[in-house]
Amino acid sequence: MDPIRDVLLDAPLVRDRGGDSLQRQLLNRIRDAILDGRFPPGCRLPGSRGLAVDLGISRNSVTAVYEQLGAEGYIELNRRGTKVAALGRSRAPTTPGRAAPLRLALPQLSERGTRVVSRFADAAETLAFKPGVPALARFPLSAWKSCFDRAFKTAGVSALGYGNPAGEAALRDAILRHLAVARGVRCEAGQVVITEGAQEALNLCVRLVTNPGDTAWVEDPGYRGAQTAFQCGDLRVEPVRVDSAGLVVPADAWTAAPPRLIYTTPSHQYPTGGVLPVARRLALIRQAQACGAWIIEDDYDSEFRHTGELIGAMQGLVPQAPVMYVGTFSKTLFPALRLGFVVLPQALTAVAAPLLKETLRGGHRHEQLALAEFIDSGQFSRHLGRMRRLYRRRQELLRAALAQHLDVPHTVLGGDSGMHLTVRLPPEYPDQAIAEAARAYDMAPAPLSRFALRAQPEDNGLVLGYGNTSESQYPALVQRLARLARAQRLKG
């Protein structure tokens, strides 16, 4: 029997309403046989009329399959018949009826890709003590839906197309007004660029002002997203230690490893919670200007100040400061919104315009317009006020639970701002082992040592997010952490 017909008639085509059509089944059967080498180059396929009779399908179906295979380059169609085209196959030839296993070389990441290491295990946002998650159940969904519905009704289908690469003008104006009042930021609307969260803002800053091989300073311990953005930009990442108040730059660092880019969280250092004094801020700006460096000011959690007034932004301290101010609505509203922004220095805005135009596309337009109304209507400020009160209470209750129930040596860091407390532990209580053990009890504290590039003995502890964890659970959760810490304690 003809081996080509053997393959084609090996099994009947299945008439199944829920499965592939007869035509699709035949197409896949011939395509696979060609790729597997069972139909070698130059072999002739049966005529459409005879194959249709043998398979019990219409000739039009066979003709359509042959035409599709011809369009894709698998076969050559002419008046003398239909034959298999010569292919550079990715599958090795095999014996009839048996497909050879596909062998692929292991993919090789780029050098920059291999430098990025995932330091935190995946954890659901519902797990207790996971840092960086706001109180999702307290978000005013009805007010947000009203803003979104009005945005869609007003903008309609026109906002389904590409927008301004820098973002919707209404949102940029709303952010400008809010930052001027709440954060003391000096800027014009043209300096505000809307991004897909803070991470894209960091990536954008890297693209704008650095070249591969440039040196970038990051806080140590510090935000992993900044380290990732710099590593993906082929920058030489230099960790700079922090103390209880934030970034501490050694005097000789400016000559030993002069930076092109400096990342800092001056209003609420993440994860230790310090506030960088104004004298250090001014000194950092002056020294950056002197060596031609740029500063990324990540205003992490600055809206949730628990004592006194909000800390003013470093960006507004000095006119024309070389500061790129980054913010996000992931913590103030909800993470899935994926809207952040960067305020560029005025001198950088004009020269950056061509790059912004070519690399950004202006998406999430209805969401941006809804957010603009949410801010301008006062809903944003009212929501921030409610969340400040909630997080202040949760911070106080968590601190009390730690004092009462965490019966191992520890020191609590931070607490004046944000949605987390950092608990420093002695080295004999390994934070990574404790955090891993906590997963079995639906807790996701982050080990402090994972935030450090060059971990020191004092970088051992737990970062406890309280934003999305009910205060009624704190005593039981802290008691469990205490038991886990004792169980994981290293024997001397």
Protein backbone atom coordinates (compact mmCIF):
# COMPACT_ATOMS: atom_id res chain seq x y z
CA MET A 1 0.00 0.00 0.00
CA ASP A 2 1.13 3.56 -0.70
CA PRO A 3 2.93 4.77 2.51
CA ILE A 4 1.52 8.26 1.97
CA ARG A 5 -2.02 6.89 1.99
CA ASP A 6 -1.10 4.74 5.01
CA VAL A 7 -0.49 7.89 7.02
CA LEU A 8 -3.52 9.74 5.71
CA LEU A 9 -5.88 6.80 6.25
CA ASP A 10 -4.28 5.47 9.44
CA ALA A 11 -7.30 6.56 11.48
CA PRO A 12 -10.68 7.95 10.49
CA LEU A 13 -11.39 11.62 10.86
CA VAL A 14 -13.61 12.23 13.87
CA ARG A 15 -16.96 13.93 13.47
CA ASP A 16 -17.23 15.73 16.81
CA ARG A 17 -19.14 18.97 17.23
CA GLY A 18 -16.95 19.95 20.17
CA GLY A 19 -13.64 19.18 18.44
CA ASP A 20 -11.75 20.29 15.36
CA SER A 21 -13.53 20.25 12.02
CA LEU A 22 -12.75 17.46 9.53
CA GLN A 23 -10.90 19.98 7.40
CA ARG A 24 -8.76 21.11 10.36
CA GLN A 25 -7.98 17.49 11.31
CA LEU A 26 -6.76 16.71 7.81
CA LEU A 27 -4.71 19.90 7.69
CA ASN A 28 -2.96 19.04 10.96
CA ARG A 29 -2.38 15.42 9.88
CA ILE A 30 -0.61 16.40 6.65
CA ARG A 31 1.30 19.29 8.24
CA ASP A 32 2.60 17.07 11.07
CA ALA A 33 3.60 14.32 8.64
CA ILE A 34 5.62 16.81 6.59
CA LEU A 35 7.33 18.28 9.65
CA ASP A 36 8.09 14.81 11.06
CA GLY A 37 9.65 13.68 7.78
CA ARG A 38 7.07 10.99 7.08
CA PHE A 39 6.23 12.91 3.91
CA PRO A 40 9.71 13.64 2.52
CA PRO A 41 10.41 16.53 0.12
CA GLY A 42 9.29 15.79 -3.42
CA CYS A 43 6.80 13.05 -2.57
CA ARG A 44 3.41 13.37 -4.20
CA LEU A 45 0.17 13.66 -2.29
CA PRO A 46 -3.01 11.90 -3.49
CA GLY A 47 -5.35 13.76 -5.75
CA SER A 48 -8.08 15.70 -4.03
CA ARG A 49 -10.92 13.66 -5.56
CA GLY A 50 -9.56 10.24 -4.55
CA LEU A 51 -8.49 11.36 -1.06
CA ALA A 52 -11.93 12.84 -0.46
CA VAL A 53 -13.57 9.51 -1.33
CA ASP A 54 -11.14 7.52 0.86
CA LEU A 55 -11.70 9.81 3.87
CA GLY A 56 -15.42 10.24 3.37
CA ILE A 57 -15.32 14.01 3.21
CA SER A 58 -16.11 16.56 0.52
CA ARG A 59 -13.62 17.28 -2.23
CA ASN A 60 -13.94 20.97 -1.41
CA SER A 61 -12.55 20.26 2.07
CA VAL A 62 -9.48 18.48 0.63
CA THR A 63 -8.98 21.24 -1.92
CA ALA A 64 -9.16 23.88 0.82
CA VAL A 65 -6.56 21.95 2.87
CA TYR A 66 -4.18 21.72 -0.09
CA GLU A 67 -4.61 25.42 -0.84
CA GLN A 68 -3.83 26.31 2.78
CA LEU A 69 -0.74 24.09 2.84
CA GLY A 70 0.37 25.67 -0.41
CA ALA A 71 -0.10 29.17 0.98
CA GLU A 72 2.02 28.24 4.02
CA GLY A 73 4.76 26.75 1.83
CA TYR A 74 4.40 23.09 2.88
CA ILE A 75 3.44 21.83 -0.59
CA GLU A 76 3.76 22.90 -4.21
CA LEU A 77 0.66 22.92 -6.34
CA ASN A 78 0.75 22.64 -10.15
CA ARG A 79 -1.08 20.94 -13.01
CA ARG A 80 1.06 17.81 -12.75
CA GLY A 81 0.07 17.14 -9.14
CA THR A 82 0.74 18.10 -5.58
CA LYS A 83 4.16 17.45 -4.01
CA VAL A 84 5.81 18.21 -0.69
CA ALA A 85 8.12 21.22 -0.71
CA ALA A 86 11.70 21.11 0.52
CA LEU A 87 11.82 22.41 4.09
CA GLY A 88 14.52 23.15 6.61
CA ARG A 89 12.75 20.99 9.18
CA SER A 90 13.01 21.56 12.93
CA ARG A 91 11.92 17.96 13.63
CA ALA A 92 14.23 15.04 12.95
CA PRO A 93 13.05 12.42 10.40
CA THR A 94 11.63 9.31 11.99
CA THR A 95 10.14 5.98 11.05
CA PRO A 96 6.59 5.98 9.69
CA GLY A 97 4.00 6.31 12.39
CA ARG A 98 6.41 7.40 15.12
CA ALA A 99 7.32 10.98 15.86
CA ALA A 100 10.85 11.75 16.96
CA PRO A 101 11.19 13.56 20.28
CA LEU A 102 11.85 17.23 19.82
CA ARG A 103 15.24 18.17 21.22
CA LEU A 104 15.85 21.81 21.95
CA ALA A 105 18.95 23.41 23.33
CA LEU A 106 18.44 25.06 26.69
CA PRO A 107 17.78 28.77 26.15
CA GLN A 108 20.52 31.15 27.17
CA LEU A 109 19.52 34.41 28.80
CA SER A 110 21.43 37.55 28.10
CA GLU A 111 24.12 38.52 30.58
CA ARG A 112 21.87 41.25 31.95
CA GLY A 113 19.05 38.73 32.31
CA THR A 114 21.17 36.30 34.32
CA ARG A 115 22.04 39.08 36.77
CA VAL A 116 18.37 39.44 37.73
CA VAL A 117 17.59 36.95 40.48
CA SER A 118 14.15 36.40 41.98
CA ARG A 119 14.63 36.74 45.72
CA PHE A 120 11.03 36.38 46.89
CA ALA A 121 8.71 33.42 46.47
CA ASP A 122 5.34 34.10 44.87
CA ALA A 123 2.63 34.77 47.41
CA ALA A 124 -1.05 35.56 47.08
CA GLU A 125 -1.98 39.07 48.09
CA THR A 126 -4.46 37.65 50.58
CA LEU A 127 -1.71 36.08 52.71
CA ALA A 128 -1.16 37.79 56.05
CA PHE A 129 1.72 40.25 56.47
CA LYS A 130 2.58 40.39 52.75
CA PRO A 131 4.31 43.78 52.26
CA GLY A 132 3.19 46.28 49.66
CA VAL A 133 -0.50 45.35 49.52
CA PRO A 134 -3.04 48.04 50.47
CA ALA A 135 -6.37 47.39 52.16
CA LEU A 136 -8.10 46.17 49.02
CA ALA A 137 -11.51 45.68 50.66
CA ARG A 138 -11.54 49.34 51.73
CA PHE A 139 -11.23 50.75 48.23
CA PRO A 140 -14.37 52.74 47.24
CA LEU A 141 -15.36 50.65 44.24
CA SER A 142 -18.69 52.40 43.67
CA ALA A 143 -17.07 55.84 43.47
CA TRP A 144 -14.37 54.49 41.15
CA LYS A 145 -16.98 52.82 38.93
CA SER A 146 -18.89 56.09 38.64
CA CYS A 147 -15.74 57.91 37.54
CA PHE A 148 -14.89 55.19 35.05
CA ASP A 149 -18.43 55.10 33.61
CA ARG A 150 -18.39 58.87 33.11
CA ALA A 151 -14.96 58.69 31.50
CA PHE A 152 -16.12 56.06 29.07
CA LYS A 153 -19.34 57.94 28.31
CA THR A 154 -17.49 61.19 27.72
CA ALA A 155 -14.52 59.89 25.76
CA GLY A 156 -16.34 56.97 24.12
CA VAL A 157 -14.62 54.99 21.40
CA SER A 158 -12.16 57.79 20.64
CA ALA A 159 -10.18 56.81 23.76
CA LEU A 160 -9.76 53.27 22.43
CA GLY A 161 -7.00 54.48 20.14
CA TYR A 162 -3.44 55.48 21.01
CA GLY A 163 -3.14 58.58 23.15
CA ASN A 164 -0.42 61.05 24.00
CA PRO A 165 2.74 59.04 24.74
CA ALA A 166 3.19 61.03 27.95
CA GLY A 167 -0.37 60.31 29.10
CA GLU A 168 -3.75 62.00 29.15
CA ALA A 169 -3.55 65.75 29.72
CA ALA A 170 -6.37 65.63 32.30
CA LEU A 171 -4.48 63.15 34.48
CA ARG A 172 -1.16 64.95 34.15
CA ASP A 173 -2.83 68.18 35.25
CA ALA A 174 -4.56 66.45 38.18
CA ILE A 175 -1.28 64.88 39.35
CA LEU A 176 0.48 68.23 39.03
CA ARG A 177 -2.08 69.95 41.26
CA HIS A 178 -2.02 67.17 43.84
CA LEU A 179 1.79 67.00 44.03
CA ALA A 180 2.15 70.77 44.35
CA VAL A 181 -0.12 70.86 47.41
CA ALA A 182 0.62 67.53 49.09
CA ARG A 183 4.27 66.98 48.26
CA GLY A 184 5.75 70.40 47.43
CA VAL A 185 6.80 69.23 43.97
CA ARG A 186 7.80 72.00 41.55
CA CYS A 187 6.83 71.20 37.98
CA GLU A 188 4.67 71.96 35.00
CA ALA A 189 2.24 69.51 33.44
CA GLY A 190 4.62 68.89 30.55
CA GLN A 191 7.14 67.38 32.95
CA VAL A 192 4.72 64.66 34.10
CA VAL A 193 4.87 61.35 32.21
CA ILE A 194 2.30 58.64 32.93
CA THR A 195 3.72 55.12 33.12
CA GLU A 196 2.49 51.59 33.73
CA GLY A 197 3.33 51.61 37.42
CA ALA A 198 6.51 52.64 39.19
CA GLN A 199 8.55 49.86 37.60
CA GLU A 200 8.07 51.24 34.09
CA ALA A 201 8.92 54.69 35.45
CA LEU A 202 12.23 53.32 36.76
CA ASN A 203 12.94 51.60 33.45
CA LEU A 204 12.19 54.85 31.65
CA CYS A 205 14.61 56.79 33.84
CA VAL A 206 17.33 54.28 33.01
CA ARG A 207 16.68 54.63 29.27
CA LEU A 208 16.68 58.40 29.44
CA VAL A 209 19.94 59.19 31.21
CA THR A 210 22.26 56.17 31.26
CA ASN A 211 24.42 54.12 28.94
CA PRO A 212 25.45 50.47 29.41
CA GLY A 213 28.28 50.23 31.89
CA ASP A 214 27.37 53.39 33.79
CA THR A 215 27.39 53.19 37.58
CA ALA A 216 24.12 53.34 39.51
CA TRP A 217 23.84 53.59 43.29
CA VAL A 218 21.03 51.83 45.12
CA GLU A 219 20.10 51.79 48.78
CA ASP A 220 21.22 48.66 50.61
CA PRO A 221 18.99 47.15 51.83
CA GLY A 222 16.53 48.64 49.38
CA TYR A 223 13.79 48.19 46.82
CA ARG A 224 14.45 45.21 44.57
CA GLY A 225 12.61 46.76 41.62
CA ALA A 226 15.21 49.51 41.35
CA GLN A 227 18.03 46.98 41.40
CA THR A 228 16.27 45.00 38.65
CA ALA A 229 15.74 48.09 36.48
CA PHE A 230 19.43 48.98 36.73
CA GLN A 231 20.62 45.43 36.05
CA CYS A 232 18.37 45.18 32.98
CA GLY A 233 19.86 48.46 31.79
CA ASP A 234 23.37 46.95 31.85
CA LEU A 235 24.41 49.32 34.62
CA ARG A 236 27.06 48.63 37.20
CA VAL A 237 25.04 48.49 40.41
CA GLU A 238 26.77 49.76 43.54
CA PRO A 239 24.96 49.16 46.85
CA VAL A 240 25.18 52.08 49.31
CA ARG A 241 24.34 51.36 52.93
CA VAL A 242 21.49 52.99 54.81
CA ASP A 243 21.25 53.84 58.49
CA SER A 244 18.21 54.63 60.62
CA ALA A 245 17.65 57.83 58.61
CA GLY A 246 18.30 56.55 55.11
CA LEU A 247 21.07 56.69 52.51
CA VAL A 248 24.61 57.22 53.86
CA VAL A 249 27.10 58.11 51.12
CA PRO A 250 30.77 57.66 52.09
CA ALA A 251 32.85 60.71 51.21
CA ASP A 252 35.19 58.74 48.94
CA ALA A 253 32.34 57.09 46.99
CA TRP A 254 32.01 60.11 44.68
CA THR A 255 35.53 59.50 43.35
CA ALA A 256 35.83 55.73 43.85
CA ALA A 257 32.60 54.87 42.04
CA PRO A 258 31.15 58.09 40.58
CA PRO A 259 27.47 57.49 39.77
CA ARG A 260 25.45 58.39 36.75
CA LEU A 261 22.21 57.49 38.54
CA ILE A 262 21.27 57.40 42.24
CA TYR A 263 18.15 55.72 43.60
CA THR A 264 16.75 56.78 46.95
CA THR A 265 13.51 56.71 48.96
CA PRO A 266 14.06 59.79 51.14
CA SER A 267 10.56 60.26 52.57
CA HIS A 268 10.17 56.66 53.71
CA GLN A 269 13.16 54.40 53.14
CA TYR A 270 12.10 50.97 51.99
CA PRO A 271 12.22 48.68 53.89
CA THR A 272 13.76 50.20 57.05
CA GLY A 273 11.37 53.19 57.28
CA GLY A 274 13.86 56.04 57.81
CA VAL A 275 13.36 59.67 56.74
CA LEU A 276 16.37 61.31 55.10
CA PRO A 277 17.17 64.63 56.87
CA VAL A 278 17.09 67.77 54.77
CA ALA A 279 20.82 68.37 55.25
CA ARG A 280 21.60 64.99 53.65
CA ARG A 281 19.10 65.66 50.87
CA LEU A 282 20.68 68.99 49.99
CA ALA A 283 24.18 67.50 50.14
CA LEU A 284 23.11 64.65 47.84
CA ILE A 285 21.68 67.14 45.33
CA ARG A 286 24.79 69.34 45.40
CA GLN A 287 27.17 66.41 44.95
CA ALA A 288 25.04 64.92 42.17
CA GLN A 289 25.11 68.26 40.34
CA ALA A 290 28.86 68.46 40.76
CA CYS A 291 29.53 65.07 39.17
CA GLY A 292 26.76 65.16 36.54
CA ALA A 293 24.59 62.50 38.17
CA TRP A 294 20.82 62.13 38.17
CA ILE A 295 18.72 61.17 41.20
CA ILE A 296 15.61 59.02 41.18
CA GLU A 297 13.41 60.02 44.13
CA ASP A 298 10.96 57.17 44.70
CA ASP A 299 8.27 58.65 46.94
CA TYR A 300 7.36 55.24 48.33
CA ASP A 301 4.41 55.24 50.76
CA SER A 302 4.90 58.96 51.43
CA GLU A 303 1.13 59.61 51.39
CA PHE A 304 0.63 57.48 54.52
CA ARG A 305 2.40 59.55 57.14
CA HIS A 306 1.23 58.56 60.64
CA THR A 307 2.75 61.38 62.73
CA GLY A 308 2.82 65.07 61.89
CA GLU A 309 2.57 66.52 58.40
CA LEU A 310 3.61 64.79 55.17
CA ILE A 311 7.33 64.92 54.44
CA GLY A 312 8.05 67.27 51.53
CA ALA A 313 9.62 65.89 48.38
CA MET A 314 13.34 66.29 47.77
CA GLN A 315 12.51 67.34 44.21
CA GLY A 316 11.13 70.70 45.37
CA LEU A 317 14.02 71.70 47.62
CA VAL A 318 16.20 73.25 44.92
CA PRO A 319 15.20 74.86 41.61
CA GLN A 320 16.25 72.78 38.60
CA ALA A 321 17.34 69.88 40.83
CA PRO A 322 18.59 66.84 38.86
CA VAL A 323 15.80 64.76 40.40
CA MET A 324 13.39 62.45 38.59
CA TYR A 325 10.43 62.07 40.94
CA VAL A 326 8.66 58.67 40.70
CA GLY A 327 5.25 57.81 42.12
CA THR A 328 2.57 55.16 41.73
CA PHE A 329 -1.10 54.59 42.51
CA SER A 330 -0.56 50.89 43.25
CA LYS A 331 -0.37 51.53 47.00
CA THR A 332 -2.70 54.52 47.32
CA LEU A 333 -5.45 52.88 45.21
CA PHE A 334 -4.90 49.29 44.07
CA PRO A 335 -2.04 47.39 42.35
CA ALA A 336 -4.00 46.16 39.32
CA LEU A 337 -4.60 49.75 38.19
CA ARG A 338 -1.01 49.77 36.84
CA LEU A 339 -0.69 53.53 36.68
CA GLY A 340 2.34 55.43 37.89
CA PHE A 341 4.23 58.53 36.83
CA VAL A 342 7.57 60.23 36.71
CA VAL A 343 8.16 63.98 36.97
CA LEU A 344 11.15 64.80 34.79
CA PRO A 345 13.45 67.75 35.42
CA GLN A 346 12.53 70.63 33.15
CA ALA A 347 15.89 70.53 31.38
CA LEU A 348 15.39 66.86 30.54
CA THR A 349 11.80 67.13 29.33
CA ALA A 350 12.50 68.77 25.97
CA VAL A 351 15.37 66.50 24.95
CA ALA A 352 13.45 63.42 26.09
CA ALA A 353 10.40 64.16 23.93
CA PRO A 354 11.55 62.20 20.81
CA LEU A 355 12.38 59.13 22.88
CA LEU A 356 9.07 59.28 24.73
CA LYS A 357 7.22 59.52 21.44
CA GLU A 358 8.94 56.46 20.00
CA THR A 359 8.92 54.20 23.08
CA LEU A 360 5.58 54.99 24.77
CA ARG A 361 2.13 54.53 23.28
CA GLY A 362 -0.34 56.17 25.64
CA GLY A 363 -2.59 53.31 26.77
CA HIS A 364 -5.13 52.81 29.58
CA ARG A 365 -6.82 56.00 28.42
CA HIS A 366 -10.22 55.45 30.02
CA GLU A 367 -8.53 54.47 33.29
CA GLN A 368 -6.40 57.61 33.14
CA LEU A 369 -9.43 59.81 32.54
CA ALA A 370 -11.31 58.10 35.37
CA LEU A 371 -8.37 58.63 37.70
CA ALA A 372 -8.19 62.31 36.75
CA GLU A 373 -11.82 62.75 37.80
CA PHE A 374 -11.25 60.65 40.93
CA ILE A 375 -8.50 63.08 41.96
CA ASP A 376 -10.22 66.31 40.90
CA SER A 377 -13.54 65.36 42.55
CA GLY A 378 -11.86 64.99 45.94
CA GLN A 379 -12.42 61.22 46.10
CA PHE A 380 -8.68 60.57 46.08
CA SER A 381 -7.97 62.87 49.02
CA ARG A 382 -10.88 61.45 51.02
CA HIS A 383 -9.68 57.91 50.34
CA LEU A 384 -6.14 58.81 51.42
CA GLY A 385 -7.51 60.29 54.64
CA ARG A 386 -9.45 57.14 55.44
CA MET A 387 -6.46 54.94 54.68
CA ARG A 388 -4.11 57.07 56.81
CA ARG A 389 -6.39 56.58 59.79
CA LEU A 390 -6.74 52.85 59.10
CA TYR A 391 -3.02 52.24 58.65
CA ARG A 392 -2.15 54.37 61.68
CA ARG A 393 -4.42 52.20 63.82
CA ARG A 394 -3.12 48.97 62.31
CA GLN A 395 0.48 50.07 62.83
CA GLU A 396 -0.17 50.84 66.50
CA LEU A 397 -1.96 47.53 67.09
CA LEU A 398 0.72 45.52 65.31
CA ARG A 399 3.42 47.24 67.32
CA ALA A 400 1.51 46.38 70.51
CA ALA A 401 1.11 42.74 69.42
CA LEU A 402 4.85 42.50 68.71
CA ALA A 403 5.69 43.93 72.14
CA GLN A 404 3.36 41.47 73.87
CA HIS A 405 3.75 38.27 71.87
CA LEU A 406 7.07 38.25 69.99
CA ASP A 407 9.08 36.78 72.83
CA VAL A 408 12.41 36.58 70.98
CA PRO A 409 14.99 39.40 70.88
CA HIS A 410 13.96 41.95 68.27
CA THR A 411 13.95 45.62 67.30
CA VAL A 412 11.09 47.31 65.46
CA LEU A 413 12.13 49.71 62.68
CA GLY A 414 10.00 52.37 61.05
CA GLY A 415 6.34 52.81 61.75
CA ASP A 416 6.00 56.55 61.15
CA SER A 417 4.76 55.97 57.60
CA GLY A 418 3.51 53.38 55.21
CA MET A 419 1.95 49.95 55.43
CA HIS A 420 4.66 47.82 57.02
CA LEU A 421 6.90 47.39 60.05
CA THR A 422 10.35 45.88 59.87
CA VAL A 423 11.40 43.63 62.74
CA ARG A 424 15.15 43.14 63.05
CA LEU A 425 16.19 39.80 64.56
CA PRO A 426 19.53 38.46 65.86
CA PRO A 427 21.44 36.41 63.23
CA GLU A 428 20.72 33.15 65.07
CA TYR A 429 17.07 33.52 63.99
CA PRO A 430 17.44 33.06 60.19
CA ASP A 431 14.86 35.28 58.52
CA GLN A 432 14.64 33.32 55.28
CA ALA A 433 13.90 30.06 57.08
CA ILE A 434 11.28 31.75 59.27
CA ALA A 435 9.60 33.36 56.26
CA GLU A 436 9.56 30.05 54.39
CA ALA A 437 8.05 28.24 57.37
CA ALA A 438 5.38 30.94 57.70
CA ARG A 439 3.95 30.06 54.26
CA ALA A 440 2.48 26.89 55.71
CA TYR A 441 0.36 29.10 57.98
CA ASP A 442 -0.88 31.49 55.26
CA MET A 443 1.60 34.22 56.15
CA ALA A 444 3.96 35.96 53.74
CA PRO A 445 6.39 38.16 55.67
CA ALA A 446 9.43 39.14 53.60
CA PRO A 447 12.92 38.32 54.90
CA LEU A 448 14.88 41.53 55.38
CA SER A 449 18.09 39.93 54.13
CA ARG A 450 16.52 39.49 50.69
CA PHE A 451 16.44 43.27 50.23
CA ALA A 452 20.21 43.56 50.55
CA LEU A 453 22.73 43.15 47.75
CA ARG A 454 25.58 42.81 50.22
CA ALA A 455 23.83 41.54 53.31
CA GLN A 456 25.29 42.43 56.70
CA PRO A 457 24.53 40.70 60.03
CA GLU A 458 22.05 43.47 60.87
CA ASP A 459 20.11 42.72 57.66
CA ASN A 460 18.26 39.87 59.33
CA GLY A 461 14.62 40.24 60.14
CA LEU A 462 11.08 40.26 58.83
CA VAL A 463 9.17 42.90 56.89
CA LEU A 464 5.56 42.69 58.02
CA GLY A 465 2.96 44.28 55.78
CA TYR A 466 -0.16 45.25 57.67
CA GLY A 467 -2.01 47.10 54.90
CA ASN A 468 -4.18 44.17 53.83
CA THR A 469 -4.15 42.17 57.09
CA SER A 470 -7.00 42.65 59.57
CA GLU A 471 -5.90 43.89 62.97
CA SER A 472 -8.05 41.26 64.70
CA GLN A 473 -5.55 38.63 63.52
CA TYR A 474 -2.40 40.29 64.86
CA PRO A 475 -2.10 38.56 68.28
CA ALA A 476 -2.51 35.04 66.87
CA LEU A 477 -0.27 35.76 63.86
CA VAL A 478 2.54 37.21 65.97
CA GLN A 479 2.34 34.31 68.42
CA ARG A 480 2.72 31.94 65.48
CA LEU A 481 5.72 33.89 64.18
CA ALA A 482 7.32 33.70 67.62
CA ARG A 483 6.93 29.91 67.68
CA LEU A 484 8.37 29.64 64.17
CA ALA A 485 11.32 31.85 65.10
CA ARG A 486 12.12 29.73 68.12
CA ALA A 487 11.81 26.56 66.03
CA GLN A 488 14.20 27.90 63.37
CA ARG A 489 16.75 29.21 65.82
CA LEU A 490 20.27 28.09 64.95
CA LYS A 491 22.05 26.06 67.56
CA GLY A 492 25.43 27.49 68.53
